């Protein structure tokens, strides 16, 4: 598949494992001309007082890289990208000539990541694996496991390195 027509999704929550997944996607999947879509899912909350209420059903509009780097704009979305992530995507955009955008969803991460795949539509999705313990995973269920089993595109799970 040529670059330029691919929408590569990476699930980001700005944790160490999501940064590892983002770095892996940039190093291994992204090609010149691709669109890198950072998909983030926020918990549901009380958004009546902001424009977020318009987007709870469909997700936010695509947020361009210039706005991702603007803390005032991101605060309106309730998202706070860390400097390391911003540096990684800014560098990739420049060096690899890719478009970087973010799309924010509100609700259950498992369902919303699968929804993002279908709505965008994504060519593939890269997701980090937190490495929850067996008990937590049994109670909560693994987000990455759910997405792998329900997604309509290829999903790559980047595992957390063993300490």
N, C-alpha and C. Protein backbone atom coordinates (compact mmCIF):
# COMPACT_ATOMS: atom_id res chain seq x y z
N UNK A 1 0.85 -1.18 0.00
CA UNK A 1 0.00 0.00 0.00
C UNK A 1 0.89 1.24 0.00
N UNK A 2 0.64 2.14 -0.89
CA UNK A 2 1.41 3.39 -0.96
C UNK A 2 1.05 4.29 0.21
N UNK A 3 2.01 5.11 0.63
CA UNK A 3 1.69 6.13 1.61
C UNK A 3 0.76 7.14 0.96
N UNK A 4 0.15 7.98 1.75
CA UNK A 4 -0.68 9.04 1.19
C UNK A 4 -2.16 8.73 1.25
N UNK A 5 -2.51 7.45 1.29
CA UNK A 5 -3.93 7.13 1.37
C UNK A 5 -4.23 6.39 2.66
N UNK A 6 -3.25 6.36 3.55
CA UNK A 6 -3.44 5.58 4.77
C UNK A 6 -3.73 6.49 5.96
N UNK A 7 -4.66 6.04 6.78
CA UNK A 7 -4.97 6.71 8.03
C UNK A 7 -4.54 5.75 9.13
N UNK A 8 -3.39 6.05 9.73
CA UNK A 8 -2.83 5.19 10.76
C UNK A 8 -3.25 5.75 12.11
N UNK A 9 -3.98 4.96 12.88
CA UNK A 9 -4.44 5.39 14.19
C UNK A 9 -3.51 4.90 15.29
N UNK A 10 -3.30 5.75 16.28
CA UNK A 10 -2.59 5.33 17.49
C UNK A 10 -3.43 5.80 18.67
N UNK A 11 -3.77 4.86 19.54
CA UNK A 11 -4.52 5.20 20.75
C UNK A 11 -3.55 5.86 21.72
N UNK A 12 -3.87 7.08 22.14
CA UNK A 12 -2.98 7.80 23.07
C UNK A 12 -3.74 8.26 24.30
N UNK A 13 -3.11 8.07 25.45
CA UNK A 13 -3.62 8.66 26.69
C UNK A 13 -2.47 9.36 27.44
N UNK A 14 -1.34 9.51 26.75
CA UNK A 14 -0.16 10.21 27.25
C UNK A 14 0.53 9.47 28.41
N UNK A 15 0.22 8.18 28.55
CA UNK A 15 0.92 7.34 29.53
C UNK A 15 2.20 6.84 28.88
N UNK A 16 3.06 6.22 29.69
CA UNK A 16 4.32 5.66 29.16
C UNK A 16 4.03 4.61 28.09
N UNK A 17 3.02 3.77 28.30
CA UNK A 17 2.76 2.71 27.30
C UNK A 17 2.16 3.28 26.02
N UNK A 18 1.41 4.38 26.11
CA UNK A 18 0.89 4.95 24.86
C UNK A 18 2.00 5.67 24.10
N UNK A 19 2.97 6.25 24.82
CA UNK A 19 4.12 6.87 24.13
C UNK A 19 4.96 5.81 23.43
N UNK A 20 5.08 4.65 24.07
CA UNK A 20 5.84 3.56 23.47
C UNK A 20 5.14 3.08 22.19
N UNK A 21 3.81 3.00 22.22
CA UNK A 21 3.03 2.59 21.05
C UNK A 21 3.18 3.62 19.93
N UNK A 22 3.15 4.90 20.29
CA UNK A 22 3.30 5.98 19.31
C UNK A 22 4.67 5.92 18.65
N UNK A 23 5.71 5.76 19.46
CA UNK A 23 7.08 5.66 18.93
C UNK A 23 7.19 4.45 18.00
N UNK A 24 6.60 3.33 18.41
CA UNK A 24 6.65 2.11 17.59
C UNK A 24 5.97 2.35 16.24
N UNK A 25 4.81 3.00 16.27
CA UNK A 25 4.07 3.27 15.02
C UNK A 25 4.89 4.17 14.10
N UNK A 26 5.52 5.21 14.66
CA UNK A 26 6.33 6.13 13.86
C UNK A 26 7.53 5.39 13.25
N UNK A 27 8.16 4.54 14.06
CA UNK A 27 9.36 3.82 13.59
C UNK A 27 9.05 2.70 12.61
N UNK A 28 7.86 2.09 12.70
CA UNK A 28 7.60 0.86 11.96
C UNK A 28 6.48 0.91 10.93
N UNK A 29 5.54 1.83 11.06
CA UNK A 29 4.38 1.81 10.17
C UNK A 29 4.27 3.05 9.30
N UNK A 30 4.47 4.20 9.91
CA UNK A 30 4.25 5.47 9.22
C UNK A 30 5.18 5.62 8.01
N UNK A 31 4.57 6.04 6.88
CA UNK A 31 5.34 6.33 5.68
C UNK A 31 4.98 7.73 5.20
N UNK A 32 5.87 8.29 4.40
CA UNK A 32 5.66 9.62 3.83
C UNK A 32 4.26 9.73 3.24
N UNK A 33 3.57 10.81 3.57
CA UNK A 33 2.25 11.05 3.01
C UNK A 33 1.09 10.49 3.81
N UNK A 34 1.39 9.67 4.82
CA UNK A 34 0.32 9.11 5.65
C UNK A 34 -0.32 10.20 6.51
N UNK A 35 -1.50 9.89 7.02
CA UNK A 35 -2.12 10.71 8.05
C UNK A 35 -2.06 9.92 9.34
N UNK A 36 -1.43 10.49 10.36
CA UNK A 36 -1.36 9.88 11.68
C UNK A 36 -2.49 10.46 12.51
N UNK A 37 -3.38 9.60 12.95
CA UNK A 37 -4.51 10.06 13.75
C UNK A 37 -4.34 9.57 15.18
N UNK A 38 -4.15 10.52 16.08
CA UNK A 38 -4.05 10.19 17.49
C UNK A 38 -5.47 10.11 18.03
N UNK A 39 -5.84 8.94 18.52
CA UNK A 39 -7.20 8.75 19.03
C UNK A 39 -7.12 8.71 20.55
N UNK A 40 -7.82 9.64 21.17
CA UNK A 40 -7.83 9.65 22.63
C UNK A 40 -9.27 9.56 23.11
N UNK A 41 -9.46 8.83 24.20
CA UNK A 41 -10.80 8.65 24.75
C UNK A 41 -10.81 9.20 26.17
N UNK A 42 -11.70 10.13 26.41
CA UNK A 42 -11.85 10.73 27.73
C UNK A 42 -13.05 10.09 28.42
N UNK A 43 -13.00 10.01 29.75
CA UNK A 43 -14.18 9.46 30.44
C UNK A 43 -15.38 10.38 30.22
N UNK A 44 -16.56 9.81 30.27
CA UNK A 44 -17.76 10.65 30.13
C UNK A 44 -17.85 11.54 31.36
N UNK A 45 -18.41 12.72 31.19
CA UNK A 45 -18.52 13.65 32.31
C UNK A 45 -19.60 14.65 32.03
N UNK A 46 -19.55 15.77 32.73
CA UNK A 46 -20.56 16.82 32.55
C UNK A 46 -19.99 17.87 31.61
N UNK A 47 -20.42 17.81 30.36
CA UNK A 47 -19.86 18.71 29.35
C UNK A 47 -20.88 19.72 28.87
N UNK A 48 -22.01 19.86 29.59
CA UNK A 48 -23.08 20.73 29.11
C UNK A 48 -22.60 22.16 28.90
N UNK A 49 -21.64 22.59 29.71
CA UNK A 49 -21.24 24.00 29.68
C UNK A 49 -20.24 24.32 28.58
N UNK A 50 -19.90 23.36 27.75
CA UNK A 50 -18.90 23.64 26.72
C UNK A 50 -19.36 23.07 25.38
N UNK A 51 -18.54 23.36 24.36
CA UNK A 51 -18.90 22.83 23.03
C UNK A 51 -18.74 21.32 22.96
N UNK A 52 -18.13 20.73 23.98
CA UNK A 52 -17.92 19.27 23.96
C UNK A 52 -19.23 18.52 23.83
N UNK A 53 -20.32 19.11 24.36
CA UNK A 53 -21.61 18.41 24.28
C UNK A 53 -22.00 18.12 22.83
N UNK A 54 -21.52 18.93 21.90
CA UNK A 54 -21.82 18.72 20.48
C UNK A 54 -21.13 17.47 19.94
N UNK A 55 -20.02 17.10 20.57
CA UNK A 55 -19.16 16.05 20.02
C UNK A 55 -19.22 14.74 20.77
N UNK A 56 -19.96 14.69 21.89
CA UNK A 56 -19.97 13.47 22.68
C UNK A 56 -20.44 12.28 21.84
N UNK A 57 -21.42 12.51 20.96
CA UNK A 57 -21.95 11.41 20.14
C UNK A 57 -21.00 10.99 19.02
N UNK A 58 -20.33 11.94 18.38
CA UNK A 58 -19.57 11.62 17.17
C UNK A 58 -18.06 11.74 17.35
N UNK A 59 -17.61 12.23 18.49
CA UNK A 59 -16.20 12.53 18.66
C UNK A 59 -15.92 13.94 18.17
N UNK A 60 -14.79 14.47 18.58
CA UNK A 60 -14.41 15.84 18.21
C UNK A 60 -14.13 15.92 16.72
N UNK A 61 -14.10 17.14 16.18
CA UNK A 61 -13.56 17.27 14.82
C UNK A 61 -12.08 16.90 14.86
N UNK A 62 -11.46 16.71 13.69
CA UNK A 62 -10.01 16.47 13.67
C UNK A 62 -9.31 17.73 14.16
N UNK A 63 -8.41 17.56 15.11
CA UNK A 63 -7.69 18.69 15.69
C UNK A 63 -6.29 18.69 15.07
N UNK A 64 -5.92 19.76 14.32
CA UNK A 64 -4.62 19.76 13.65
C UNK A 64 -3.46 19.92 14.63
N UNK A 65 -2.28 19.55 14.16
CA UNK A 65 -1.06 19.58 14.99
C UNK A 65 -0.84 20.95 15.63
N UNK A 66 -1.09 22.03 14.88
CA UNK A 66 -0.86 23.37 15.43
C UNK A 66 -1.71 23.60 16.69
N UNK A 67 -2.94 23.07 16.69
CA UNK A 67 -3.80 23.22 17.87
C UNK A 67 -3.42 22.26 18.98
N UNK A 68 -2.90 21.08 18.60
CA UNK A 68 -2.44 20.12 19.61
C UNK A 68 -1.34 20.72 20.47
N UNK A 69 -0.53 21.57 19.84
CA UNK A 69 0.60 22.17 20.54
C UNK A 69 0.20 23.43 21.32
N UNK A 70 -1.08 23.82 21.25
CA UNK A 70 -1.56 25.01 21.95
C UNK A 70 -2.33 24.58 23.20
N UNK A 71 -1.74 24.83 24.38
CA UNK A 71 -2.33 24.34 25.62
C UNK A 71 -3.71 24.93 25.90
N UNK A 72 -3.95 26.19 25.47
CA UNK A 72 -5.27 26.81 25.70
C UNK A 72 -6.35 26.08 24.91
N UNK A 73 -6.04 25.76 23.65
CA UNK A 73 -7.01 25.03 22.82
C UNK A 73 -7.27 23.65 23.42
N UNK A 74 -6.21 22.96 23.82
CA UNK A 74 -6.37 21.59 24.32
C UNK A 74 -7.14 21.57 25.64
N UNK A 75 -6.99 22.62 26.44
CA UNK A 75 -7.72 22.70 27.70
C UNK A 75 -9.24 22.70 27.44
N UNK A 76 -9.66 23.34 26.33
CA UNK A 76 -11.08 23.35 25.98
C UNK A 76 -11.61 21.93 25.75
N UNK A 77 -10.72 21.04 25.30
CA UNK A 77 -11.12 19.66 25.06
C UNK A 77 -10.91 18.77 26.29
N UNK A 78 -10.32 19.33 27.33
CA UNK A 78 -10.04 18.54 28.53
C UNK A 78 -8.89 17.56 28.34
N UNK A 79 -7.97 17.90 27.43
CA UNK A 79 -6.84 17.02 27.13
C UNK A 79 -5.55 17.80 27.34
N UNK A 80 -4.56 17.13 27.92
CA UNK A 80 -3.30 17.80 28.22
C UNK A 80 -2.12 16.98 27.69
N UNK A 81 -1.79 17.13 26.39
CA UNK A 81 -0.68 16.36 25.82
C UNK A 81 0.64 16.72 26.50
N UNK A 82 1.47 15.72 26.77
CA UNK A 82 2.76 15.98 27.42
C UNK A 82 3.79 16.42 26.38
N UNK A 83 4.83 17.15 26.84
CA UNK A 83 5.85 17.66 25.91
C UNK A 83 6.52 16.57 25.09
N UNK A 84 6.76 15.40 25.68
CA UNK A 84 7.45 14.32 24.97
C UNK A 84 6.62 13.84 23.77
N UNK A 85 5.32 13.68 23.97
CA UNK A 85 4.44 13.26 22.88
C UNK A 85 4.39 14.33 21.79
N UNK A 86 4.26 15.60 22.20
CA UNK A 86 4.20 16.70 21.23
C UNK A 86 5.48 16.78 20.41
N UNK A 87 6.61 16.58 21.06
CA UNK A 87 7.90 16.62 20.37
C UNK A 87 7.99 15.47 19.36
N UNK A 88 7.55 14.28 19.79
CA UNK A 88 7.61 13.09 18.92
C UNK A 88 6.78 13.31 17.65
N UNK A 89 5.55 13.82 17.79
CA UNK A 89 4.68 13.97 16.62
C UNK A 89 5.09 15.16 15.76
N UNK A 90 5.62 16.21 16.38
CA UNK A 90 6.09 17.37 15.59
C UNK A 90 7.27 16.98 14.72
N UNK A 91 8.20 16.22 15.31
CA UNK A 91 9.38 15.75 14.58
C UNK A 91 8.97 14.82 13.44
N UNK A 92 8.06 13.89 13.72
CA UNK A 92 7.60 12.95 12.69
C UNK A 92 6.92 13.70 11.54
N UNK A 93 6.11 14.70 11.89
CA UNK A 93 5.39 15.46 10.85
C UNK A 93 6.38 16.14 9.92
N UNK A 94 7.42 16.74 10.51
CA UNK A 94 8.43 17.44 9.70
C UNK A 94 9.27 16.48 8.89
N UNK A 95 9.86 15.49 9.56
CA UNK A 95 10.83 14.61 8.89
C UNK A 95 10.18 13.66 7.90
N UNK A 96 8.97 13.19 8.20
CA UNK A 96 8.35 12.16 7.37
C UNK A 96 7.27 12.72 6.45
N UNK A 97 7.05 14.04 6.54
CA UNK A 97 6.04 14.68 5.71
C UNK A 97 4.68 14.00 5.83
N UNK A 98 4.22 13.90 7.07
CA UNK A 98 2.92 13.30 7.34
C UNK A 98 2.00 14.38 7.93
N UNK A 99 0.73 14.11 7.87
CA UNK A 99 -0.27 14.96 8.53
C UNK A 99 -0.58 14.33 9.87
N UNK A 100 -0.61 15.14 10.92
CA UNK A 100 -0.93 14.62 12.25
C UNK A 100 -2.17 15.35 12.75
N UNK A 101 -3.18 14.58 13.16
CA UNK A 101 -4.38 15.16 13.75
C UNK A 101 -4.78 14.31 14.96
N UNK A 102 -5.61 14.89 15.82
CA UNK A 102 -6.14 14.14 16.95
C UNK A 102 -7.65 14.12 16.84
N UNK A 103 -8.22 13.02 17.27
CA UNK A 103 -9.67 12.93 17.39
C UNK A 103 -9.97 12.43 18.80
N UNK A 104 -10.85 13.14 19.48
CA UNK A 104 -11.17 12.81 20.87
C UNK A 104 -12.57 12.24 20.93
N UNK A 105 -12.71 11.15 21.68
CA UNK A 105 -14.02 10.55 21.93
C UNK A 105 -14.26 10.57 23.43
N UNK A 106 -15.52 10.51 23.81
CA UNK A 106 -15.86 10.48 25.23
C UNK A 106 -16.67 9.23 25.49
N UNK A 107 -16.28 8.49 26.55
CA UNK A 107 -17.02 7.28 26.91
C UNK A 107 -16.08 6.14 27.22
N UNK A 108 -16.55 4.92 26.98
CA UNK A 108 -15.80 3.71 27.27
C UNK A 108 -14.72 3.50 26.20
N UNK A 109 -13.47 3.40 26.63
CA UNK A 109 -12.34 3.31 25.70
C UNK A 109 -12.49 2.15 24.72
N UNK A 110 -12.95 0.99 25.21
CA UNK A 110 -13.08 -0.18 24.33
C UNK A 110 -14.01 0.12 23.16
N UNK A 111 -15.21 0.60 23.47
CA UNK A 111 -16.20 0.86 22.43
C UNK A 111 -15.78 2.02 21.53
N UNK A 112 -15.24 3.07 22.14
CA UNK A 112 -14.93 4.27 21.36
C UNK A 112 -13.75 4.05 20.42
N UNK A 113 -12.77 3.22 20.81
CA UNK A 113 -11.66 2.93 19.90
C UNK A 113 -12.17 2.16 18.68
N UNK A 114 -13.09 1.22 18.90
CA UNK A 114 -13.66 0.48 17.77
C UNK A 114 -14.50 1.41 16.90
N UNK A 115 -15.20 2.35 17.53
CA UNK A 115 -16.00 3.34 16.79
C UNK A 115 -15.08 4.23 15.94
N UNK A 116 -13.94 4.62 16.51
CA UNK A 116 -12.97 5.46 15.79
C UNK A 116 -12.50 4.77 14.52
N UNK A 117 -12.26 3.47 14.61
CA UNK A 117 -11.80 2.69 13.46
C UNK A 117 -12.81 2.79 12.32
N UNK A 118 -14.08 2.65 12.66
CA UNK A 118 -15.14 2.65 11.64
C UNK A 118 -15.47 4.05 11.13
N UNK A 119 -15.46 5.02 12.02
CA UNK A 119 -15.87 6.38 11.63
C UNK A 119 -14.81 7.09 10.79
N UNK A 120 -13.53 6.74 10.96
CA UNK A 120 -12.48 7.56 10.34
C UNK A 120 -12.33 7.34 8.84
N UNK A 121 -12.29 6.20 8.22
CA UNK A 121 -11.95 4.89 8.75
C UNK A 121 -10.43 4.70 8.79
N UNK A 122 -9.97 4.00 9.80
CA UNK A 122 -8.53 3.78 9.97
C UNK A 122 -8.06 2.59 9.14
N UNK A 123 -6.85 2.70 8.59
CA UNK A 123 -6.23 1.57 7.88
C UNK A 123 -5.74 0.54 8.88
N UNK A 124 -5.28 1.03 10.04
CA UNK A 124 -4.83 0.15 11.12
C UNK A 124 -4.80 0.98 12.41
N UNK A 125 -4.70 0.29 13.55
CA UNK A 125 -4.64 0.96 14.84
C UNK A 125 -3.51 0.34 15.65
N UNK A 126 -2.73 1.20 16.29
CA UNK A 126 -1.67 0.75 17.20
C UNK A 126 -2.10 1.16 18.60
N UNK A 127 -2.01 0.23 19.52
CA UNK A 127 -2.46 0.48 20.89
C UNK A 127 -1.43 -0.06 21.86
N UNK A 128 -1.21 0.65 22.93
CA UNK A 128 -0.29 0.18 23.98
C UNK A 128 -1.01 -0.80 24.88
N UNK A 129 -0.22 -1.60 25.58
CA UNK A 129 -0.78 -2.57 26.52
C UNK A 129 -0.23 -2.23 27.89
N UNK A 130 -1.11 -1.90 28.79
CA UNK A 130 -0.71 -1.49 30.14
C UNK A 130 -0.09 -2.62 30.95
N UNK A 131 -0.43 -3.85 30.59
CA UNK A 131 0.08 -4.97 31.38
C UNK A 131 -0.58 -5.01 32.74
N UNK A 132 -1.93 -4.94 32.75
CA UNK A 132 -2.66 -5.05 34.02
C UNK A 132 -2.39 -6.43 34.62
N UNK A 133 -2.45 -6.51 35.91
CA UNK A 133 -2.31 -7.81 36.57
C UNK A 133 -3.49 -8.70 36.23
N UNK A 134 -3.37 -10.00 36.50
CA UNK A 134 -4.42 -10.97 36.13
C UNK A 134 -5.76 -10.63 36.78
N UNK A 135 -5.74 -10.20 38.03
CA UNK A 135 -7.00 -9.93 38.73
C UNK A 135 -7.69 -8.71 38.15
N UNK A 136 -6.93 -7.61 37.97
CA UNK A 136 -7.52 -6.39 37.39
C UNK A 136 -8.07 -6.67 36.00
N UNK A 137 -7.31 -7.44 35.21
CA UNK A 137 -7.74 -7.74 33.84
C UNK A 137 -9.02 -8.57 33.86
N UNK A 138 -9.14 -9.49 34.82
CA UNK A 138 -10.34 -10.33 34.93
C UNK A 138 -11.56 -9.48 35.29
N UNK A 139 -11.36 -8.48 36.13
CA UNK A 139 -12.47 -7.62 36.56
C UNK A 139 -12.82 -6.60 35.48
N UNK A 140 -11.81 -5.87 35.00
CA UNK A 140 -12.04 -4.74 34.09
C UNK A 140 -12.05 -5.16 32.63
N UNK A 141 -11.34 -6.22 32.32
CA UNK A 141 -11.17 -6.59 30.92
C UNK A 141 -10.11 -5.69 30.31
N UNK A 142 -9.33 -6.22 29.43
CA UNK A 142 -8.26 -5.45 28.80
C UNK A 142 -8.82 -4.68 27.62
N UNK A 143 -8.51 -3.38 27.56
CA UNK A 143 -8.95 -2.55 26.43
C UNK A 143 -8.35 -3.11 25.14
N UNK A 144 -7.05 -3.39 25.16
CA UNK A 144 -6.39 -3.86 23.93
C UNK A 144 -6.99 -5.20 23.48
N UNK A 145 -7.29 -6.09 24.42
CA UNK A 145 -7.88 -7.38 24.09
C UNK A 145 -9.24 -7.20 23.42
N UNK A 146 -10.05 -6.32 23.98
CA UNK A 146 -11.38 -6.05 23.42
C UNK A 146 -11.25 -5.51 22.00
N UNK A 147 -10.35 -4.54 21.82
CA UNK A 147 -10.19 -3.91 20.51
C UNK A 147 -9.69 -4.93 19.48
N UNK A 148 -8.71 -5.74 19.86
CA UNK A 148 -8.20 -6.77 18.94
C UNK A 148 -9.34 -7.69 18.48
N UNK A 149 -10.22 -8.04 19.39
CA UNK A 149 -11.29 -8.99 19.06
C UNK A 149 -12.49 -8.37 18.35
N UNK A 150 -12.63 -7.05 18.40
CA UNK A 150 -13.83 -6.41 17.84
C UNK A 150 -13.55 -5.41 16.72
N UNK A 151 -12.30 -5.07 16.50
CA UNK A 151 -11.97 -4.06 15.50
C UNK A 151 -12.17 -4.58 14.08
N UNK A 152 -12.46 -3.66 13.16
CA UNK A 152 -12.67 -4.02 11.76
C UNK A 152 -11.44 -3.70 10.90
N UNK A 153 -10.30 -3.42 11.57
CA UNK A 153 -9.04 -3.21 10.84
C UNK A 153 -7.93 -3.92 11.62
N UNK A 154 -6.75 -4.07 11.01
CA UNK A 154 -5.65 -4.67 11.75
C UNK A 154 -5.28 -3.83 12.98
N UNK A 155 -5.00 -4.52 14.10
CA UNK A 155 -4.62 -3.85 15.34
C UNK A 155 -3.28 -4.42 15.79
N UNK A 156 -2.36 -3.53 16.12
CA UNK A 156 -1.07 -3.94 16.67
C UNK A 156 -1.02 -3.51 18.12
N UNK A 157 -0.73 -4.47 19.01
CA UNK A 157 -0.60 -4.17 20.43
C UNK A 157 0.88 -4.12 20.75
N UNK A 158 1.33 -2.96 21.26
CA UNK A 158 2.72 -2.79 21.65
C UNK A 158 2.78 -3.04 23.15
N UNK A 159 3.46 -4.12 23.51
CA UNK A 159 3.48 -4.53 24.91
C UNK A 159 4.43 -3.67 25.72
N UNK A 160 4.07 -3.51 26.97
CA UNK A 160 4.90 -2.80 27.94
C UNK A 160 6.14 -3.66 28.19
N UNK A 161 7.31 -3.03 28.21
CA UNK A 161 8.55 -3.78 28.48
C UNK A 161 8.53 -4.28 29.92
N UNK A 162 9.05 -5.45 30.12
CA UNK A 162 9.15 -5.98 31.49
C UNK A 162 10.18 -5.17 32.26
N UNK A 163 9.85 -4.85 33.50
CA UNK A 163 10.78 -4.06 34.33
C UNK A 163 11.95 -4.90 34.75
